[in-house]
Protein backbone atom coordinates (compact mmCIF):
# COMPACT_ATOMS: atom_id res chain seq x y z
CA MET A 1 14.69 -14.97 -2.11
CA LEU A 2 14.68 -11.45 -3.53
CA THR A 3 15.21 -11.42 -7.29
CA LYS A 4 16.71 -8.60 -9.35
CA SER A 5 13.34 -7.91 -10.96
CA GLY A 6 11.70 -8.00 -7.53
CA LYS A 7 14.14 -5.40 -6.24
CA SER A 8 13.52 -3.14 -9.26
CA LEU A 9 9.79 -3.58 -8.83
CA GLU A 10 10.07 -2.69 -5.15
CA GLU A 11 11.95 0.53 -5.99
CA LEU A 12 9.31 1.63 -8.52
CA ILE A 13 6.46 0.90 -6.12
CA LYS A 14 8.21 2.70 -3.25
CA LYS A 15 8.57 5.76 -5.48
CA ALA A 16 4.82 5.74 -6.14
CA ILE A 17 4.12 5.38 -2.42
CA ASP A 18 6.47 8.26 -1.58
CA ASP A 19 4.91 10.47 -4.29
CA HIS A 20 1.31 9.42 -3.46
CA VAL A 21 0.78 9.50 -7.24
CA ILE A 22 1.34 7.04 -10.06
CA THR A 23 0.93 7.81 -13.73
CA ASN A 24 -0.58 5.34 -16.13
CA SER A 25 2.80 4.95 -17.83
CA GLU A 26 4.50 4.23 -14.48
CA TYR A 27 1.83 1.65 -13.68
CA GLU A 28 2.35 0.00 -17.08
CA GLU A 29 6.12 0.00 -16.51
CA ILE A 30 5.59 -1.77 -13.18
CA MET A 31 3.34 -4.38 -14.78
CA GLU A 32 5.76 -4.96 -17.66
CA LEU A 33 8.63 -5.41 -15.22
CA ALA A 34 6.59 -7.84 -13.13
CA HIS A 35 5.82 -9.95 -16.19
CA ALA A 36 9.21 -9.59 -17.95
CA ASP A 37 10.53 -12.97 -16.80
CA ASN A 38 7.11 -14.66 -17.17
CA VAL A 39 7.16 -15.48 -13.44
CA ILE A 40 5.62 -13.45 -10.66
CA ASP A 41 7.29 -14.70 -7.51
CA ALA A 42 5.85 -14.43 -4.00
CA HIS A 43 7.65 -11.16 -3.22
CA GLU A 44 6.42 -9.57 -6.45
CA LYS A 45 2.86 -10.73 -5.74
CA VAL A 46 2.95 -9.04 -2.33
CA LEU A 47 4.31 -5.81 -3.83
CA LEU A 48 1.71 -5.74 -6.60
CA GLN A 49 -1.10 -6.45 -4.15
CA GLU A 50 0.10 -3.66 -1.87
CA LEU A 51 0.24 -1.24 -4.81
CA ASN A 52 -3.24 -2.17 -6.00
CA ASP A 53 -4.63 -1.89 -2.47
CA LEU A 54 -3.13 1.60 -2.08
CA ILE A 55 -4.60 2.65 -5.43
CA ALA A 56 -8.00 1.19 -4.48
CA ASP A 57 -8.15 3.04 -1.16
CA ARG A 58 -6.83 6.20 -2.87
CA THR A 59 -3.68 6.43 -0.79
CA ILE A 60 -1.95 6.51 -4.19
CA LYS A 61 -3.75 8.47 -6.86
CA ARG A 62 -3.52 7.09 -10.40
CA VAL A 63 -3.30 9.90 -12.96
CA ALA A 64 -2.93 10.30 -16.72
CA GLY A 65 0.57 10.45 -18.05
């Protein structure tokens, strides 16, 4: 089941993927959203793992801001 927070999280991560860049403040916003309801569901876990993998392999560049 896709939750409201999961959908919002997905939109923020897709923006970072499309831009190929994520600022530190955007990353923090994503993490705060993921933890806002104190539950990271399966869909959110997959999204966060995908984001972190893309940052690790430098597909998405993490920058100051």
